[in-house]
Amino acid sequence: MGKEFNIKKVLLYPCGGVGLVVSTVTRLACLKAVEELLPGQLELLDMHRCQRGAPDEITLLENCPVIVLDGCRQQCGSYFLNMLGIKPAARLYTPAYVARFKLKPGKNRAELETEGQQLSEAMAQEAVATAQGILKGPYPFIKQKVRQKNLPCCNYSLDIEEALAYDEINPRVHRPEALPRLPGLENAER
């Protein structure tokens, strides 16, 4: 598979945990980014359709860079992509945003309090900046094939940061070290 420089769309994959407020923060960040900040150039990845093997969703996943927004230390989004044999172009890590901006997700999943909304906004802005760097390039995207790895579900003993070999770009954004640098976020000399 060759490198693709003319990228038209970037996928966002938010935390899928429904029991945690932080998942609402990441989902709201993704919705804001997709619907308001960069419509037409961002799309949400549908994990359930990927699991079922929906051909159009698999085609998207194989042909577009993915930015995953992991909500907590379990990093389910990164783990799910790893189970499919896909390395995300970038990962935004919510606990790092909490530390950096001194904002807490809040306590109400149904409707985020002010701090949770501000946290979500900060993540949406950085997701858009990351996606814009990829879209404007040059970003040598290498298409990946979905291939199910024999990894058990709910196995949190796997160190996903090690498995994907995440390299810290800044305390909030990471990318697998084997993938290309992110334009606008990293200098070429690094």
C-alpha atoms as a PDB file:
ATOM      1  CA  MET A   1       0.000   0.000   0.000  1.00  0.00           C
ATOM      2  CA  GLY A   2       1.356   3.354  -1.034  1.00  0.00           C
ATOM      3  CA  LYS A   3       1.464   6.689   0.672  1.00  0.00           C
ATOM      4  CA  GLU A   4      -1.454   9.039   0.124  1.00  0.00           C
ATOM      5  CA  PHE A   5      -0.884  12.776   0.214  1.00  0.00           C
ATOM      6  CA  ASN A   6      -4.256  14.003  -1.054  1.00  0.00           C
ATOM      7  CA  ILE A   7      -6.340  13.323   2.051  1.00  0.00           C
ATOM      8  CA  LYS A   8      -9.919  14.546   1.889  1.00  0.00           C
ATOM      9  CA  LYS A   9     -11.304  13.227   5.178  1.00  0.00           C
ATOM     10  CA  VAL A  10     -10.124  12.420   8.702  1.00  0.00           C
ATOM     11  CA  LEU A  11     -12.070  10.142  11.038  1.00  0.00           C
ATOM     12  CA  LEU A  12     -12.659  10.870  14.715  1.00  0.00           C
ATOM     13  CA  TYR A  13     -13.243   8.085  17.190  1.00  0.00           C
ATOM     14  CA  PRO A  14     -14.411   9.200  20.669  1.00  0.00           C
ATOM     15  CA  CYS A  15     -14.325   7.236  23.892  1.00  0.00           C
ATOM     16  CA  GLY A  16     -17.197   4.770  23.869  1.00  0.00           C
ATOM     17  CA  GLY A  17     -17.742   4.367  27.593  1.00  0.00           C
ATOM     18  CA  VAL A  18     -21.328   5.228  28.395  1.00  0.00           C
ATOM     19  CA  GLY A  19     -20.891   4.978  32.153  1.00  0.00           C
ATOM     20  CA  LEU A  20     -18.308   7.737  32.463  1.00  0.00           C
ATOM     21  CA  VAL A  21     -18.799  11.477  32.162  1.00  0.00           C
ATOM     22  CA  VAL A  22     -15.495  11.687  30.328  1.00  0.00           C
ATOM     23  CA  SER A  23     -17.007   9.724  27.441  1.00  0.00           C
ATOM     24  CA  THR A  24     -19.648  12.437  27.070  1.00  0.00           C
ATOM     25  CA  VAL A  25     -16.823  14.996  26.968  1.00  0.00           C
ATOM     26  CA  THR A  26     -15.102  13.193  24.074  1.00  0.00           C
ATOM     27  CA  ARG A  27     -18.317  12.505  22.160  1.00  0.00           C
ATOM     28  CA  LEU A  28     -19.373  16.152  22.449  1.00  0.00           C
ATOM     29  CA  ALA A  29     -15.892  17.226  21.295  1.00  0.00           C
ATOM     30  CA  CYS A  30     -16.162  14.979  18.242  1.00  0.00           C
ATOM     31  CA  LEU A  31     -19.690  16.101  17.393  1.00  0.00           C
ATOM     32  CA  LYS A  32     -18.697  19.763  17.650  1.00  0.00           C
ATOM     33  CA  ALA A  33     -15.633  19.173  15.473  1.00  0.00           C
ATOM     34  CA  VAL A  34     -17.569  17.192  12.839  1.00  0.00           C
ATOM     35  CA  GLU A  35     -20.744  19.271  12.725  1.00  0.00           C
ATOM     36  CA  GLU A  36     -19.555  22.812  13.475  1.00  0.00           C
ATOM     37  CA  LEU A  37     -15.806  23.293  13.200  1.00  0.00           C
ATOM     38  CA  LEU A  38     -14.761  21.212  10.171  1.00  0.00           C
ATOM     39  CA  PRO A  39     -17.885  19.792   8.526  1.00  0.00           C
ATOM     40  CA  GLY A  40     -17.351  17.673   5.434  1.00  0.00           C
ATOM     41  CA  GLN A  41     -13.717  16.996   6.276  1.00  0.00           C
ATOM     42  CA  LEU A  42     -14.250  15.068   9.500  1.00  0.00           C
ATOM     43  CA  GLU A  43     -16.448  12.052  10.100  1.00  0.00           C
ATOM     44  CA  LEU A  44     -17.251   9.977  13.164  1.00  0.00           C
ATOM     45  CA  LEU A  45     -16.098   6.368  13.080  1.00  0.00           C
ATOM     46  CA  ASP A  46     -18.913   3.977  13.990  1.00  0.00           C
ATOM     47  CA  MET A  47     -17.375   1.223  16.097  1.00  0.00           C
ATOM     48  CA  HIS A  48     -20.476  -0.960  16.003  1.00  0.00           C
ATOM     49  CA  ARG A  49     -20.607  -0.935  12.208  1.00  0.00           C
ATOM     50  CA  CYS A  50     -16.875  -1.757  12.141  1.00  0.00           C
ATOM     51  CA  GLN A  51     -17.439  -4.705  14.464  1.00  0.00           C
ATOM     52  CA  ARG A  52     -20.192  -5.995  12.167  1.00  0.00           C
ATOM     53  CA  GLY A  53     -17.963  -5.538   9.122  1.00  0.00           C
ATOM     54  CA  ALA A  54     -20.113  -2.936   7.330  1.00  0.00           C
ATOM     55  CA  PRO A  55     -18.241  -2.547   4.025  1.00  0.00           C
ATOM     56  CA  ASP A  56     -18.603   1.247   3.790  1.00  0.00           C
ATOM     57  CA  GLU A  57     -17.354   1.740   7.357  1.00  0.00           C
ATOM     58  CA  ILE A  58     -14.402  -0.620   6.819  1.00  0.00           C
ATOM     59  CA  THR A  59     -13.517   1.228   3.594  1.00  0.00           C
ATOM     60  CA  LEU A  60     -13.514   4.533   5.490  1.00  0.00           C
ATOM     61  CA  LEU A  61     -11.354   3.095   8.256  1.00  0.00           C
ATOM     62  CA  GLU A  62      -8.837   1.656   5.802  1.00  0.00           C
ATOM     63  CA  ASN A  63      -8.647   4.768   3.632  1.00  0.00           C
ATOM     64  CA  CYS A  64      -8.725   7.656   6.106  1.00  0.00           C
ATOM     65  CA  PRO A  65      -6.453   8.678   8.972  1.00  0.00           C
ATOM     66  CA  VAL A  66      -8.089   8.303  12.404  1.00  0.00           C
ATOM     67  CA  ILE A  67      -7.767  10.519  15.448  1.00  0.00           C
ATOM     68  CA  VAL A  68      -8.867   8.692  18.599  1.00  0.00           C
ATOM     69  CA  LEU A  69      -9.992  10.552  21.718  1.00  0.00           C
ATOM     70  CA  ASP A  70      -9.270   8.247  24.657  1.00  0.00           C
ATOM     71  CA  GLY A  71     -11.273   9.153  27.729  1.00  0.00           C
ATOM     72  CA  CYS A  72      -9.454   7.433  30.568  1.00  0.00           C
ATOM     73  CA  ARG A  73      -6.514   5.222  31.426  1.00  0.00           C
ATOM     74  CA  GLN A  74      -8.267   2.166  29.976  1.00  0.00           C
ATOM     75  CA  GLN A  75      -7.849   3.775  26.524  1.00  0.00           C
ATOM     76  CA  CYS A  76     -10.629   1.702  24.942  1.00  0.00           C
ATOM     77  CA  GLY A  77     -10.551   3.609  21.660  1.00  0.00           C
ATOM     78  CA  SER A  78      -6.885   2.862  21.079  1.00  0.00           C
ATOM     79  CA  TYR A  79      -7.443  -0.722  22.182  1.00  0.00           C
ATOM     80  CA  PHE A  80     -10.355  -1.200  19.765  1.00  0.00           C
ATOM     81  CA  LEU A  81      -8.369   0.147  16.809  1.00  0.00           C
ATOM     82  CA  ASN A  82      -5.447  -2.075  17.780  1.00  0.00           C
ATOM     83  CA  MET A  83      -7.798  -5.086  17.827  1.00  0.00           C
ATOM     84  CA  LEU A  84      -8.615  -4.259  14.195  1.00  0.00           C
ATOM     85  CA  GLY A  85      -4.954  -3.843  13.273  1.00  0.00           C
ATOM     86  CA  ILE A  86      -5.305  -0.078  12.740  1.00  0.00           C
ATOM     87  CA  LYS A  87      -2.886   2.497  14.112  1.00  0.00           C
ATOM     88  CA  PRO A  88      -4.467   5.904  14.650  1.00  0.00           C
ATOM     89  CA  ALA A  89      -2.767   8.896  13.090  1.00  0.00           C
ATOM     90  CA  ALA A  90      -3.067  10.604  16.482  1.00  0.00           C
ATOM     91  CA  ARG A  91      -4.504  10.082  19.929  1.00  0.00           C
ATOM     92  CA  LEU A  92      -5.848  12.844  22.174  1.00  0.00           C
ATOM     93  CA  TYR A  93      -5.727  11.756  25.813  1.00  0.00           C
ATOM     94  CA  THR A  94      -8.418  13.301  28.011  1.00  0.00           C
ATOM     95  CA  PRO A  95      -6.591  12.991  31.377  1.00  0.00           C
ATOM     96  CA  ALA A  96      -3.799  15.140  29.920  1.00  0.00           C
ATOM     97  CA  TYR A  97      -6.358  17.845  29.045  1.00  0.00           C
ATOM     98  CA  VAL A  98      -7.749  17.661  32.576  1.00  0.00           C
ATOM     99  CA  ALA A  99      -4.236  18.228  33.937  1.00  0.00           C
ATOM    100  CA  ARG A 100      -3.278  20.926  31.414  1.00  0.00           C
ATOM    101  CA  PHE A 101      -6.424  23.040  31.620  1.00  0.00           C
ATOM    102  CA  LYS A 102      -7.315  22.268  35.256  1.00  0.00           C
ATOM    103  CA  LEU A 103     -10.840  21.347  34.148  1.00  0.00           C
ATOM    104  CA  LYS A 104     -12.851  18.405  35.405  1.00  0.00           C
ATOM    105  CA  PRO A 105     -15.339  16.465  33.254  1.00  0.00           C
ATOM    106  CA  GLY A 106     -18.073  16.983  35.844  1.00  0.00           C
ATOM    107  CA  LYS A 107     -20.643  14.604  37.297  1.00  0.00           C
ATOM    108  CA  ASN A 108     -23.579  14.691  34.899  1.00  0.00           C
ATOM    109  CA  ARG A 109     -23.387  12.517  31.781  1.00  0.00           C
ATOM    110  CA  ALA A 110     -26.706  13.712  30.350  1.00  0.00           C
ATOM    111  CA  GLU A 111     -25.723  17.375  30.324  1.00  0.00           C
ATOM    112  CA  LEU A 112     -22.183  18.518  30.958  1.00  0.00           C
ATOM    113  CA  GLU A 113     -21.542  21.220  33.514  1.00  0.00           C
ATOM    114  CA  THR A 114     -19.551  24.296  32.479  1.00  0.00           C
ATOM    115  CA  GLU A 115     -16.110  22.764  33.129  1.00  0.00           C
ATOM    116  CA  GLY A 116     -16.996  19.629  31.175  1.00  0.00           C
ATOM    117  CA  GLN A 117     -18.146  21.784  28.261  1.00  0.00           C
ATOM    118  CA  GLN A 118     -14.902  23.784  28.384  1.00  0.00           C
ATOM    119  CA  LEU A 119     -12.872  20.575  28.473  1.00  0.00           C
ATOM    120  CA  SER A 120     -14.817  19.255  25.492  1.00  0.00           C
ATOM    121  CA  GLU A 121     -14.259  22.522  23.614  1.00  0.00           C
ATOM    122  CA  ALA A 122     -10.488  22.351  24.216  1.00  0.00           C
ATOM    123  CA  MET A 123     -10.416  18.797  22.871  1.00  0.00           C
ATOM    124  CA  ALA A 124     -12.565  19.714  19.851  1.00  0.00           C
ATOM    125  CA  GLN A 125     -10.207  22.582  18.995  1.00  0.00           C
ATOM    126  CA  GLU A 126      -7.126  20.367  19.195  1.00  0.00           C
ATOM    127  CA  ALA A 127      -8.810  17.571  17.225  1.00  0.00           C
ATOM    128  CA  VAL A 128      -9.593  20.099  14.479  1.00  0.00           C
ATOM    129  CA  ALA A 129      -6.044  21.524  14.543  1.00  0.00           C
ATOM    130  CA  THR A 130      -4.635  17.998  14.277  1.00  0.00           C
ATOM    131  CA  ALA A 131      -7.005  17.114  11.429  1.00  0.00           C
ATOM    132  CA  GLN A 132      -6.231  20.363   9.582  1.00  0.00           C
ATOM    133  CA  GLY A 133      -2.516  19.578   9.765  1.00  0.00           C
ATOM    134  CA  ILE A 134      -3.170  16.162   8.244  1.00  0.00           C
ATOM    135  CA  LEU A 135      -5.508  17.561   5.572  1.00  0.00           C
ATOM    136  CA  LYS A 136      -3.224  20.438   4.575  1.00  0.00           C
ATOM    137  CA  GLY A 137      -0.150  18.207   4.715  1.00  0.00           C
ATOM    138  CA  PRO A 138       2.078  17.162   3.472  1.00  0.00           C
ATOM    139  CA  TYR A 139       1.085  14.045   5.375  1.00  0.00           C
ATOM    140  CA  PRO A 140       2.230  10.734   3.907  1.00  0.00           C
ATOM    141  CA  PHE A 141      -0.765   8.644   4.949  1.00  0.00           C
ATOM    142  CA  ILE A 142      -0.221   4.927   4.583  1.00  0.00           C
ATOM    143  CA  LYS A 143      -3.478   3.074   4.043  1.00  0.00           C
ATOM    144  CA  GLN A 144      -4.048   0.217   6.482  1.00  0.00           C
ATOM    145  CA  LYS A 145      -6.068  -2.982   6.171  1.00  0.00           C
ATOM    146  CA  VAL A 146      -8.512  -4.017   8.849  1.00  0.00           C
ATOM    147  CA  ARG A 147      -7.434  -7.374  10.171  1.00  0.00           C
ATOM    148  CA  GLN A 148      -8.766  -8.837  13.348  1.00  0.00           C
ATOM    149  CA  LYS A 149      -6.057  -9.632  15.843  1.00  0.00           C
ATOM    150  CA  ASN A 150      -6.599 -12.463  18.269  1.00  0.00           C
ATOM    151  CA  LEU A 151      -6.877 -10.140  21.225  1.00  0.00           C
ATOM    152  CA  PRO A 152      -9.537 -10.802  23.826  1.00  0.00           C
ATOM    153  CA  CYS A 153     -12.101  -8.124  24.535  1.00  0.00           C
ATOM    154  CA  CYS A 154     -11.776  -6.347  27.861  1.00  0.00           C
ATOM    155  CA  ASN A 155      -8.138  -7.333  28.348  1.00  0.00           C
ATOM    156  CA  TYR A 156      -6.686  -4.369  30.150  1.00  0.00           C
ATOM    157  CA  SER A 157      -3.443  -6.140  30.949  1.00  0.00           C
ATOM    158  CA  LEU A 158      -2.171  -5.141  27.483  1.00  0.00           C
ATOM    159  CA  ASP A 159      -0.195  -1.903  27.667  1.00  0.00           C
ATOM    160  CA  ILE A 160      -1.838  -0.195  24.694  1.00  0.00           C
ATOM    161  CA  GLU A 161       0.604   2.720  24.728  1.00  0.00           C
ATOM    162  CA  GLU A 162       3.430   0.219  24.321  1.00  0.00           C
ATOM    163  CA  ALA A 163       1.539  -1.921  21.789  1.00  0.00           C
ATOM    164  CA  LEU A 164       0.921   1.099  19.548  1.00  0.00           C
ATOM    165  CA  ALA A 165       4.321   2.626  20.426  1.00  0.00           C
ATOM    166  CA  TYR A 166       2.820   6.054  21.123  1.00  0.00           C
ATOM    167  CA  ASP A 167       5.217   8.966  20.820  1.00  0.00           C
ATOM    168  CA  GLU A 168       4.310  12.107  22.771  1.00  0.00           C
ATOM    169  CA  ILE A 169       3.973  15.154  20.540  1.00  0.00           C
ATOM    170  CA  ASN A 170       2.837  17.279  23.440  1.00  0.00           C
ATOM    171  CA  PRO A 171       1.421  16.149  26.792  1.00  0.00           C
ATOM    172  CA  ARG A 172      -2.066  15.828  25.252  1.00  0.00           C
ATOM    173  CA  VAL A 173      -1.395  14.478  21.741  1.00  0.00           C
ATOM    174  CA  HIS A 174       0.371  11.251  20.796  1.00  0.00           C
ATOM    175  CA  ARG A 175       0.934   9.271  17.595  1.00  0.00           C
ATOM    176  CA  PRO A 176       2.386   5.830  16.894  1.00  0.00           C
ATOM    177  CA  GLU A 177       6.116   6.335  16.341  1.00  0.00           C
ATOM    178  CA  ALA A 178       5.988   4.262  13.125  1.00  0.00           C
ATOM    179  CA  LEU A 179       3.513   6.678  11.507  1.00  0.00           C
ATOM    180  CA  PRO A 180       4.357   9.995   9.835  1.00  0.00           C
ATOM    181  CA  ARG A 181       4.820  13.199  11.762  1.00  0.00           C
ATOM    182  CA  LEU A 182       1.733  15.371  12.112  1.00  0.00           C
ATOM    183  CA  PRO A 183       2.053  18.577  10.055  1.00  0.00           C
ATOM    184  CA  GLY A 184       1.616  21.700  12.105  1.00  0.00           C
ATOM    185  CA  LEU A 185       2.104  19.860  15.399  1.00  0.00           C
ATOM    186  CA  GLU A 186       5.631  18.475  15.035  1.00  0.00           C
ATOM    187  CA  ASN A 187       8.708  19.825  13.398  1.00  0.00           C
ATOM    188  CA  ALA A 188      10.596  17.612  10.965  1.00  0.00           C
ATOM    189  CA  GLU A 189      13.796  17.623  13.017  1.00  0.00           C
ATOM    190  CA  ARG A 190      12.292  15.759  15.976  1.00  0.00           C
END
